[in-house]
Amino acid sequence: MKPLNVLSVASEVFPIIKTGGLADVAGALPAALAREDVTVVTLVPGYPAVLKALQRSEVVHHYPSFFGGTANLLSGRAGGLDLFVIDAAHLFERPGSPYLAPNGKDWPDNARRFAALSRAAADIGQGLAPGFMPDIIHAHDWQAGLVPAYLSLTDSPRPGTIITIHNIAFQGIFPADLLFELGLPASTFTVDGVEYYGQIGFLKAGLQLADHITTVSPTYAKEIQTPEGGMGLDGLLRARSHVVSGILNGIDDKAWDPATDAHLARTYSRDHLEVRAVNKAALQKRLGLKQDPESMLFGVVSRLSEQKGLDLVLGSLARLLADGAQLALLGAGDKTLEDSFKTAGIVYPGQVGCFFGYDEALAHLIQGGSDALLVPSRFEPCGLTQLCAMRYGSVPIVSRVGGLADTIIDANEMAIAIGAATGFQFGPVALSPAIDAFERAKALWRDRSTWQRLQTNGMSADVSWRRPAKQYAGLYRSCRPT
């Protein structure tokens, strides 16, 4: 295999800056690709957390005028990753999340901020950084969607381009009058360019102009080509279906390893599942649940939103908690959902425990201490929590959508008989099927030997990045310019 240089372009990257699964993918994939003779350098915005973490940095290019101010392109390392960083205080030196101001609203200049990310990526693709010329630019989500658009403006040789959709619900749509401010000529404002229903569509531009489109599971790749799942982009994706593929995400199996996890009260392996009882007791104590090893404990680690289907958990609580079962929830988001779960904690004291926000250690403890993990999403491009659950012996209960359908084998009678089951699926995504799945899980949990087989099946599955990395490496090589 010939070595490959890849520039990964992402608006967040674990362990430096994270709001969701995109960061996990951008952070874990480079190390896995190194085994495939692929060198990855990741371009990220210079948020305060990124600049603080950057080690041995040097300026590789100075922009005297860059989307409203001066900027430097830095190279360095942070979090075990090789990085390019856009040091532009006028764009990225501010409080709040990468996308939202402290008031919870989008930064009003997000179009300019993430156009800058794409512009810098395109410049690197044209040789801006001495000593690094990418064969492929891998753009992630709408924030990097303009990379192929900027590259389309040059007649010089350019890298191959791939864009990955992590969630098609987020598209980066902005007013058309920003076109020239973003450095896009009028010729790009067409249906075959960046125009999207009279506005500028960042994700649409990437899907239209990239050499290849990937998303994060095979089933989601099919779903986004339907009117129900495509969020207005299904027609474009059907027209380009010959370059659309789904590659399942993996997880960092070193960061998520119950045998070495410092966040757990007690580490364990699939050969010593009895040790999980220590983590269950620690989780019950942490969230104020009744200290009872015989209570089935359901876990949730999720953004609180309509997409995640957590209203189905609320609607089924009376049935879910019957017989003394418990719920441990970690999440944040929709205030109505937060308030409803707070109320549930009052109505069911000792049975419902919630932490609103994000706590990495608690996320690991829920995976290591819960008996089952609930992921009832209405749509789910891939999902990572169910993969972590399998790794930790918490049996996933999931809706039959997207990557959840691709990663969990339902514990139906035949799957149990042949020893293949790893969890529970339900569909359609509605209250009655969800309750049925919860009841099936509760019934099977009483059969501890069968339940243990589900746990060991999940813990034996390869949920790492090894297989996806091979698929990405093959795709990169097929898109490499000749």
Protein backbone atom coordinates (compact mmCIF):
# COMPACT_ATOMS: atom_id res chain seq x y z
CA MET A 1 0.00 0.00 0.00
CA LYS A 2 1.22 3.50 -0.79
CA PRO A 3 1.29 5.87 2.20
CA LEU A 4 -1.44 8.48 2.23
CA ASN A 5 -1.65 11.95 3.73
CA VAL A 6 -5.12 12.98 4.86
CA LEU A 7 -6.28 16.34 6.17
CA SER A 8 -9.25 15.83 8.50
CA VAL A 9 -11.35 18.97 8.94
CA ALA A 10 -13.54 19.08 12.04
CA SER A 11 -15.13 21.72 14.24
CA GLU A 12 -14.40 19.69 17.38
CA VAL A 13 -12.07 16.86 18.35
CA PHE A 14 -11.80 14.69 21.46
CA PRO A 15 -10.08 14.94 23.92
CA ILE A 16 -9.57 18.67 23.36
CA ILE A 17 -13.02 20.05 22.60
CA LYS A 18 -16.25 18.04 22.49
CA THR A 19 -19.98 18.57 22.28
CA GLY A 20 -20.98 15.28 20.62
CA GLY A 21 -20.05 12.19 18.66
CA LEU A 22 -18.29 14.11 15.89
CA ALA A 23 -15.47 14.89 18.31
CA ASP A 24 -15.13 11.22 19.25
CA VAL A 25 -14.82 10.21 15.59
CA ALA A 26 -12.37 12.97 14.71
CA GLY A 27 -10.26 12.14 17.76
CA ALA A 28 -10.14 8.35 17.46
CA LEU A 29 -9.93 7.71 13.71
CA PRO A 30 -6.37 9.08 13.13
CA ALA A 31 -4.69 6.52 15.40
CA ALA A 32 -6.65 3.67 13.81
CA LEU A 33 -5.73 4.89 10.33
CA ALA A 34 -2.03 4.95 11.21
CA ARG A 35 -2.14 1.14 11.15
CA GLU A 36 -3.33 1.41 7.53
CA ASP A 37 -0.33 3.56 6.53
CA VAL A 38 -2.47 6.71 6.51
CA THR A 39 -1.09 9.86 8.13
CA VAL A 40 -3.79 12.20 9.39
CA VAL A 41 -3.42 15.83 10.40
CA THR A 42 -6.58 17.43 11.80
CA LEU A 43 -7.54 21.06 11.17
CA VAL A 44 -9.58 22.61 13.98
CA PRO A 45 -10.58 26.16 14.96
CA GLY A 46 -8.43 27.87 17.57
CA TYR A 47 -10.93 27.90 20.41
CA PRO A 48 -9.37 28.87 23.77
CA ALA A 49 -9.31 25.22 24.89
CA VAL A 50 -7.48 24.20 21.72
CA LEU A 51 -4.84 26.94 21.95
CA LYS A 52 -4.30 26.14 25.63
CA ALA A 53 -3.73 22.44 24.85
CA LEU A 54 -1.48 23.01 21.81
CA GLN A 55 2.13 21.88 22.27
CA ARG A 56 5.25 22.77 20.30
CA SER A 57 3.26 25.01 17.99
CA GLU A 58 4.69 27.03 15.15
CA VAL A 59 3.23 29.47 12.65
CA VAL A 60 3.12 27.95 9.19
CA HIS A 61 1.22 30.80 7.53
CA HIS A 62 0.07 34.32 8.37
CA TYR A 63 -3.19 35.72 6.97
CA PRO A 64 -3.12 39.54 7.06
CA SER A 65 -6.83 39.58 6.25
CA PHE A 66 -8.95 36.54 7.01
CA PHE A 67 -12.72 36.86 7.35
CA GLY A 68 -12.60 40.14 9.25
CA GLY A 69 -9.23 40.10 10.99
CA THR A 70 -5.70 38.75 11.00
CA ALA A 71 -5.03 35.06 11.59
CA ASN A 72 -2.22 32.55 11.87
CA LEU A 73 -2.27 28.94 10.80
CA LEU A 74 -0.43 26.98 13.48
CA SER A 75 0.86 23.42 13.51
CA GLY A 76 1.46 21.42 16.67
CA ARG A 77 0.22 18.53 18.78
CA ALA A 78 -2.46 18.18 21.43
CA GLY A 79 -4.33 15.23 22.89
CA GLY A 80 -2.05 12.82 21.02
CA LEU A 81 -3.07 14.31 17.66
CA ASP A 82 -1.18 16.18 14.94
CA LEU A 83 -3.05 19.42 14.37
CA PHE A 84 -3.35 22.49 12.25
CA VAL A 85 -5.08 25.25 14.21
CA ILE A 86 -6.59 28.50 12.98
CA ASP A 87 -5.52 31.14 15.51
CA ALA A 88 -8.04 33.89 14.76
CA ALA A 89 -9.16 35.69 17.91
CA HIS A 90 -11.93 37.59 16.13
CA LEU A 91 -13.55 34.31 15.14
CA PHE A 92 -12.85 31.82 17.92
CA GLU A 93 -11.61 33.53 21.10
CA ARG A 94 -14.92 33.69 22.97
CA PRO A 95 -16.83 31.89 25.73
CA GLY A 96 -19.59 29.36 25.18
CA SER A 97 -19.60 26.22 23.08
CA PRO A 98 -18.05 26.00 19.60
CA TYR A 99 -21.42 26.89 18.09
CA LEU A 100 -23.50 28.64 20.74
CA ALA A 101 -23.12 31.84 22.74
CA PRO A 102 -23.59 31.69 26.52
CA ASN A 103 -27.26 32.63 25.97
CA GLY A 104 -27.77 29.31 24.13
CA LYS A 105 -28.24 30.91 20.70
CA ASP A 106 -26.08 30.40 17.61
CA TRP A 107 -23.18 32.80 17.27
CA PRO A 108 -24.44 35.32 14.68
CA ASP A 109 -21.22 35.03 12.66
CA ASN A 110 -21.15 31.23 12.43
CA ALA A 111 -21.22 31.41 8.63
CA ARG A 112 -18.00 33.40 8.62
CA ARG A 113 -16.39 31.32 11.38
CA PHE A 114 -16.85 27.99 9.65
CA ALA A 115 -16.26 29.33 6.15
CA ALA A 116 -12.85 30.25 7.55
CA LEU A 117 -12.35 26.62 8.61
CA SER A 118 -13.17 25.43 5.08
CA ARG A 119 -11.08 28.13 3.41
CA ALA A 120 -8.01 27.24 5.46
CA ALA A 121 -8.53 23.55 4.62
CA ALA A 122 -8.71 24.33 0.91
CA ASP A 123 -5.54 26.42 1.20
CA ILE A 124 -3.71 23.52 2.88
CA GLY A 125 -4.98 21.34 0.05
CA GLN A 126 -3.22 23.72 -2.35
CA GLY A 127 0.13 23.46 -0.56
CA LEU A 128 -0.11 26.23 2.05
CA ALA A 129 1.60 24.21 4.81
CA PRO A 130 5.26 23.40 4.01
CA GLY A 131 6.00 19.71 4.27
CA PHE A 132 2.40 18.52 4.18
CA MET A 133 0.41 18.00 1.01
CA PRO A 134 -2.80 16.03 1.55
CA ASP A 135 -3.85 13.38 -0.92
CA ILE A 136 -7.36 13.52 0.56
CA ILE A 137 -9.31 16.12 2.51
CA HIS A 138 -11.90 14.53 4.76
CA ALA A 139 -14.52 17.12 5.74
CA HIS A 140 -16.86 16.45 8.65
CA ASP A 141 -20.41 17.84 8.72
CA TRP A 142 -21.69 21.23 7.60
CA GLN A 143 -18.96 23.18 9.37
CA ALA A 144 -16.49 21.85 6.77
CA GLY A 145 -18.98 21.68 3.93
CA LEU A 146 -17.50 24.53 1.88
CA VAL A 147 -14.13 22.80 1.43
CA PRO A 148 -15.07 21.25 -1.95
CA ALA A 149 -16.65 24.56 -3.01
CA TYR A 150 -13.44 26.52 -2.41
CA LEU A 151 -11.35 23.84 -4.10
CA SER A 152 -13.66 23.95 -7.13
CA LEU A 153 -12.51 27.53 -7.76
CA THR A 154 -8.97 26.51 -8.72
CA ASP A 155 -7.69 24.96 -11.92
CA SER A 156 -4.64 23.55 -10.13
CA PRO A 157 -4.40 19.89 -9.12
CA ARG A 158 -6.32 19.30 -5.93
CA PRO A 159 -6.74 16.54 -3.35
CA GLY A 160 -9.62 14.10 -3.43
CA THR A 161 -12.49 15.18 -1.19
CA ILE A 162 -14.77 13.20 1.10
CA ILE A 163 -17.52 14.61 3.29
CA THR A 164 -19.05 12.68 6.17
CA ILE A 165 -22.58 13.35 7.40
CA HIS A 166 -22.74 12.81 11.15
CA ASN A 167 -26.29 14.13 11.43
CA ILE A 168 -28.17 15.46 8.41
CA ALA A 169 -30.50 17.46 10.66
CA PHE A 170 -27.74 20.08 11.01
CA GLN A 171 -27.05 21.68 7.63
CA GLY A 172 -25.54 25.15 8.05
CA ILE A 173 -27.98 27.29 6.05
CA PHE A 174 -27.25 31.03 5.79
CA PRO A 175 -28.54 34.09 3.88
CA ALA A 176 -27.53 34.49 0.25
CA ASP A 177 -26.25 38.03 0.80
CA LEU A 178 -23.23 36.58 2.63
CA LEU A 179 -21.92 35.04 -0.60
CA PHE A 180 -19.20 37.59 -1.38
CA GLU A 181 -18.26 38.04 2.29
CA LEU A 182 -17.51 34.32 2.34
CA GLY A 183 -15.27 34.63 -0.73
CA LEU A 184 -17.64 32.79 -3.04
CA PRO A 185 -18.15 34.22 -6.56
CA ALA A 186 -21.62 34.54 -8.06
CA SER A 187 -20.87 31.57 -10.30
CA THR A 188 -21.05 29.24 -7.26
CA PHE A 189 -24.61 30.32 -6.40
CA THR A 190 -26.35 27.70 -8.51
CA VAL A 191 -28.22 24.48 -7.88
CA ASP A 192 -25.00 22.67 -8.82
CA GLY A 193 -23.03 24.71 -6.31
CA VAL A 194 -23.76 26.24 -2.90
CA GLU A 195 -27.32 27.48 -3.52
CA TYR A 196 -30.00 25.80 -1.46
CA TYR A 197 -33.59 27.08 -1.82
CA GLY A 198 -32.34 30.64 -2.29
CA GLN A 199 -29.83 30.48 0.54
CA ILE A 200 -26.26 29.23 1.04
CA GLY A 201 -26.19 25.61 2.17
CA PHE A 202 -22.85 24.56 3.66
CA LEU A 203 -23.71 20.87 3.91
CA LYS A 204 -25.52 20.94 0.59
CA ALA A 205 -22.41 22.38 -1.07
CA GLY A 206 -20.27 19.58 0.31
CA LEU A 207 -22.71 16.90 -0.78
CA GLN A 208 -22.93 18.42 -4.25
CA LEU A 209 -19.23 18.91 -4.87
CA ALA A 210 -17.27 16.31 -2.87
CA ASP A 211 -15.86 13.29 -4.67
CA HIS A 212 -17.47 10.91 -2.19
CA ILE A 213 -20.09 11.10 0.56
CA THR A 214 -20.08 8.92 3.62
CA THR A 215 -22.29 8.66 6.63
CA VAL A 216 -21.85 6.75 9.82
CA SER A 217 -23.87 3.58 9.25
CA PRO A 218 -25.17 1.61 6.25
CA THR A 219 -28.81 1.90 7.34
CA TYR A 220 -28.54 5.66 7.81
CA ALA A 221 -27.05 5.91 4.31
CA LYS A 222 -30.31 4.45 3.02
CA GLU A 223 -32.56 6.48 5.35
CA ILE A 224 -31.13 9.85 4.26
CA GLN A 225 -32.07 9.05 0.66
CA THR A 226 -35.76 9.03 1.61
CA PRO A 227 -38.06 12.05 2.05
CA GLU A 228 -38.60 11.03 5.68
CA GLY A 229 -34.91 10.87 6.54
CA GLY A 230 -33.23 13.21 4.08
CA MET A 231 -34.28 16.51 5.66
CA GLY A 232 -34.70 18.09 2.22
CA LEU A 233 -31.46 16.69 0.79
CA ASP A 234 -32.78 13.27 -0.20
CA GLY A 235 -33.13 14.17 -3.88
CA LEU A 236 -29.51 15.26 -4.12
CA LEU A 237 -28.37 12.14 -2.29
CA ARG A 238 -30.40 9.87 -4.54
CA ALA A 239 -28.92 11.60 -7.59
CA ARG A 240 -25.43 10.95 -6.18
CA SER A 241 -26.20 7.55 -4.66
CA HIS A 242 -23.32 5.99 -6.61
CA VAL A 243 -20.88 7.91 -4.37
CA VAL A 244 -22.77 7.51 -1.07
CA SER A 245 -21.69 4.87 1.43
CA GLY A 246 -22.21 4.09 5.09
CA ILE A 247 -19.27 3.19 7.34
CA LEU A 248 -20.08 2.36 10.93
CA ASN A 249 -18.33 4.33 13.63
CA GLY A 250 -16.25 2.60 16.22
CA ILE A 251 -15.22 3.68 19.70
CA ASP A 252 -11.81 4.17 21.27
CA ASP A 253 -11.48 0.79 22.92
CA LYS A 254 -8.62 2.03 25.08
CA ALA A 255 -10.57 4.96 26.51
CA TRP A 256 -13.59 2.67 26.86
CA ASP A 257 -12.16 -0.45 28.49
CA PRO A 258 -13.82 -1.82 31.64
CA ALA A 259 -10.63 -3.68 32.51
CA THR A 260 -8.62 -0.45 32.93
CA ASP A 261 -11.23 2.32 33.35
CA ALA A 262 -10.22 4.63 36.21
CA HIS A 263 -13.74 6.12 36.28
CA LEU A 264 -15.21 2.85 37.58
CA ALA A 265 -15.48 1.88 41.21
CA ARG A 266 -14.06 -1.50 40.22
CA THR A 267 -12.61 -2.69 36.92
CA TYR A 268 -13.70 -6.00 35.44
CA SER A 269 -13.71 -8.21 32.36
CA ARG A 270 -16.27 -10.43 30.66
CA ASP A 271 -14.88 -13.35 32.68
CA HIS A 272 -15.75 -11.62 35.96
CA LEU A 273 -19.10 -9.96 35.38
CA GLU A 274 -20.00 -10.41 39.04
CA VAL A 275 -17.67 -7.48 39.78
CA ARG A 276 -20.11 -5.15 38.00
CA ALA A 277 -22.20 -5.28 41.19
CA VAL A 278 -19.67 -2.95 42.83
CA ASN A 279 -20.20 -0.38 40.08
CA LYS A 280 -23.96 -0.79 40.28
CA ALA A 281 -23.86 -0.02 44.00
CA ALA A 282 -21.60 3.01 43.36
CA LEU A 283 -23.97 4.29 40.68
CA GLN A 284 -26.98 3.87 42.95
CA LYS A 285 -25.21 5.80 45.68
CA ARG A 286 -24.04 8.56 43.31
CA LEU A 287 -27.57 9.28 42.05
CA GLY A 288 -29.49 8.70 45.28
CA LEU A 289 -31.09 5.42 44.22
CA LYS A 290 -32.08 2.70 46.62
CA GLN A 291 -29.11 0.45 47.37
CA ASP A 292 -30.60 -2.79 46.07
CA PRO A 293 -28.63 -5.21 43.88
CA GLU A 294 -31.88 -6.99 42.96
CA SER A 295 -33.42 -3.90 41.34
CA MET A 296 -32.96 -3.87 37.58
CA LEU A 297 -31.13 -0.63 36.77
CA PHE A 298 -31.73 1.09 33.41
CA GLY A 299 -29.24 3.72 32.24
CA VAL A 300 -29.49 6.69 29.89
CA VAL A 301 -26.52 8.72 28.63
CA SER A 302 -27.91 11.11 26.08
CA ARG A 303 -28.56 14.57 24.78
CA LEU A 304 -32.12 15.41 25.87
CA SER A 305 -33.96 16.10 22.63
CA GLU A 306 -36.93 14.92 20.62
CA GLN A 307 -34.53 13.06 18.31
CA LYS A 308 -33.37 10.86 21.17
CA GLY A 309 -36.89 9.61 21.93
CA LEU A 310 -36.63 10.17 25.66
CA ASP A 311 -40.28 11.20 25.83
CA LEU A 312 -40.91 7.46 25.28
CA VAL A 313 -38.99 6.73 28.47
CA LEU A 314 -41.09 9.29 30.33
CA GLY A 315 -44.29 7.87 28.87
CA SER A 316 -43.41 4.36 29.96
CA LEU A 317 -42.00 5.13 33.43
CA ALA A 318 -44.81 3.51 35.39
CA ARG A 319 -44.29 0.23 33.53
CA LEU A 320 -40.52 0.58 33.40
CA LEU A 321 -40.17 1.07 37.16
CA ALA A 322 -42.68 -1.56 38.20
CA ASP A 323 -41.26 -4.28 40.44
CA GLY A 324 -38.77 -1.82 41.88
CA ALA A 325 -36.70 -1.18 38.74
CA GLN A 326 -34.56 1.97 38.62
CA LEU A 327 -33.45 4.63 36.13
CA ALA A 328 -30.09 6.46 36.12
CA LEU A 329 -29.99 9.36 33.66
CA LEU A 330 -27.16 11.63 32.52
CA GLY A 331 -28.00 14.28 29.97
CA ALA A 332 -28.81 17.87 29.12
CA GLY A 333 -30.74 19.75 26.50
CA ASP A 334 -34.45 20.39 26.11
CA LYS A 335 -35.70 22.18 29.24
CA THR A 336 -39.12 20.54 29.09
CA LEU A 337 -37.53 17.10 29.13
CA GLU A 338 -35.17 18.12 31.94
CA ASP A 339 -38.09 19.38 34.01
CA SER A 340 -40.06 16.20 33.35
CA PHE A 341 -37.21 13.99 34.53
CA LYS A 342 -36.74 16.21 37.59
CA THR A 343 -40.40 15.66 38.38
CA ALA A 344 -39.96 11.92 37.85
CA GLY A 345 -37.24 11.96 40.47
CA ILE A 346 -39.71 13.45 42.94
CA VAL A 347 -42.56 11.10 42.02
CA TYR A 348 -40.29 8.03 42.17
CA PRO A 349 -37.80 8.73 44.97
CA GLY A 350 -35.03 6.18 45.14
CA GLN A 351 -35.98 4.84 41.72
CA VAL A 352 -35.11 7.76 39.39
CA GLY A 353 -31.79 9.54 39.69
CA CYS A 354 -30.71 12.26 37.27
CA PHE A 355 -27.66 14.40 36.58
CA PHE A 356 -28.26 17.26 34.15
CA GLY A 357 -25.14 18.33 32.28
CA TYR A 358 -22.18 16.26 31.19
CA ASP A 359 -19.87 14.31 33.46
CA GLU A 360 -17.38 12.00 31.75
CA ALA A 361 -16.77 9.91 34.86
CA LEU A 362 -20.49 9.42 35.44
CA ALA A 363 -20.98 8.41 31.80
CA HIS A 364 -18.47 5.61 32.31
CA LEU A 365 -20.02 4.60 35.63
CA ILE A 366 -23.50 4.34 34.08
CA GLN A 367 -22.10 2.06 31.38
CA GLY A 368 -20.28 -0.02 33.97
CA GLY A 369 -23.06 -0.13 36.57
CA SER A 370 -26.38 -0.24 34.73
CA ASP A 371 -27.99 -3.53 33.72
CA ALA A 372 -29.38 -2.15 30.47
CA LEU A 373 -28.94 1.05 28.48
CA LEU A 374 -31.88 2.78 26.79
CA VAL A 375 -31.38 4.34 23.33
CA PRO A 376 -34.91 4.89 21.92
CA SER A 377 -33.92 7.42 19.22
CA ARG A 378 -36.34 8.51 16.50
CA PHE A 379 -33.36 8.63 14.16
CA GLU A 380 -29.74 7.84 14.92
CA PRO A 381 -26.98 8.16 12.30
CA CYS A 382 -24.78 5.70 14.18
CA GLY A 383 -24.85 6.10 17.94
CA LEU A 384 -21.88 5.51 20.19
CA THR A 385 -23.48 4.92 23.58
CA GLN A 386 -24.83 1.51 22.53
CA LEU A 387 -21.31 0.51 21.44
CA CYS A 388 -19.92 1.59 24.81
CA ALA A 389 -22.74 -0.32 26.51
CA MET A 390 -21.83 -3.52 24.66
CA ARG A 391 -18.20 -3.05 25.63
CA TYR A 392 -19.19 -2.67 29.30
CA GLY A 393 -21.80 -5.41 29.56
CA SER A 394 -24.79 -3.08 29.82
CA VAL A 395 -27.35 -4.61 27.47
CA PRO A 396 -28.64 -2.04 24.93
CA ILE A 397 -32.35 -1.53 24.27
CA VAL A 398 -32.62 0.44 21.04
CA SER A 399 -35.01 1.58 18.36
CA ARG A 400 -34.64 -0.06 14.97
CA VAL A 401 -33.18 2.93 13.12
CA GLY A 402 -29.85 3.96 11.61
CA GLY A 403 -26.73 2.64 13.25
CA LEU A 404 -28.73 1.18 16.14
CA ALA A 405 -30.28 -1.29 13.71
CA ASP A 406 -26.83 -2.10 12.30
CA THR A 407 -25.04 -2.71 15.60
CA ILE A 408 -27.49 -4.50 17.92
CA ILE A 409 -28.76 -8.07 17.35
CA ASP A 410 -32.24 -8.40 18.83
CA ALA A 411 -32.77 -11.03 21.52
CA ASN A 412 -35.52 -12.83 19.68
CA GLU A 413 -36.03 -16.53 20.23
CA MET A 414 -33.79 -17.68 17.38
CA ALA A 415 -30.97 -15.21 18.14
CA ILE A 416 -30.96 -16.40 21.74
CA ALA A 417 -31.01 -20.03 20.65
CA ILE A 418 -27.95 -19.68 18.41
CA GLY A 419 -26.12 -17.46 20.90
CA ALA A 420 -26.00 -14.33 18.75
CA ALA A 421 -28.18 -11.81 20.61
CA THR A 422 -26.58 -8.66 22.02
CA GLY A 423 -29.60 -6.52 23.00
CA PHE A 424 -33.16 -5.56 22.17
CA GLN A 425 -34.61 -3.69 19.19
CA PHE A 426 -38.06 -2.22 18.76
CA GLY A 427 -39.94 -0.54 15.95
CA PRO A 428 -41.70 1.52 14.90
CA VAL A 429 -40.49 4.26 17.24
CA ALA A 430 -43.61 4.66 19.35
CA LEU A 431 -44.68 4.15 22.95
CA SER A 432 -46.28 0.72 22.67
CA PRO A 433 -43.34 -0.99 20.88
CA ALA A 434 -40.93 0.67 23.33
CA ILE A 435 -42.85 -0.67 26.31
CA ASP A 436 -42.91 -4.12 24.75
CA ALA A 437 -39.10 -4.03 24.41
CA PHE A 438 -38.67 -2.85 28.00
CA GLU A 439 -40.92 -5.65 29.22
CA ARG A 440 -39.04 -8.24 27.16
CA ALA A 441 -35.79 -7.04 28.70
CA LYS A 442 -37.16 -7.15 32.24
CA ALA A 443 -38.43 -10.69 31.72
CA LEU A 444 -35.13 -11.90 30.30
CA TRP A 445 -33.13 -10.19 33.06
CA ARG A 446 -34.72 -12.60 35.53
CA ASP A 447 -33.06 -15.44 33.57
CA ARG A 448 -29.57 -14.50 34.70
CA SER A 449 -27.70 -17.13 32.69
CA THR A 450 -29.32 -16.00 29.43
CA TRP A 451 -28.79 -12.35 30.35
CA GLN A 452 -25.13 -13.05 30.98
CA ARG A 453 -24.82 -14.55 27.50
CA LEU A 454 -26.16 -11.28 26.07
CA GLN A 455 -23.56 -9.41 28.09
CA THR A 456 -20.65 -11.60 27.01
CA ASN A 457 -21.80 -11.53 23.38
CA GLY A 458 -21.71 -7.74 23.43
CA MET A 459 -18.38 -7.62 25.22
CA SER A 460 -16.91 -10.05 22.66
CA ALA A 461 -17.93 -7.91 19.68
CA ASP A 462 -15.28 -5.78 17.99
CA VAL A 463 -16.62 -2.24 18.40
CA SER A 464 -13.22 -0.62 17.85
CA TRP A 465 -12.09 1.54 14.93
CA ARG A 466 -10.06 -1.27 13.35
CA ARG A 467 -12.62 -2.39 10.78
CA PRO A 468 -13.95 1.13 9.96
CA ALA A 469 -10.37 2.35 9.55
CA LYS A 470 -9.72 -0.31 6.91
CA GLN A 471 -12.87 0.80 5.08
CA TYR A 472 -11.90 4.47 5.22
CA ALA A 473 -8.36 3.71 4.06
CA GLY A 474 -9.74 1.80 1.08
CA LEU A 475 -12.08 4.66 0.27
CA TYR A 476 -9.29 7.23 0.52
CA ARG A 477 -7.19 5.24 -1.91
CA SER A 478 -10.06 4.96 -4.37
CA CYS A 479 -10.54 8.76 -4.25
CA ARG A 480 -6.85 9.64 -4.44
CA PRO A 481 -6.13 11.68 -7.57
CA THR A 482 -4.03 9.82 -10.11
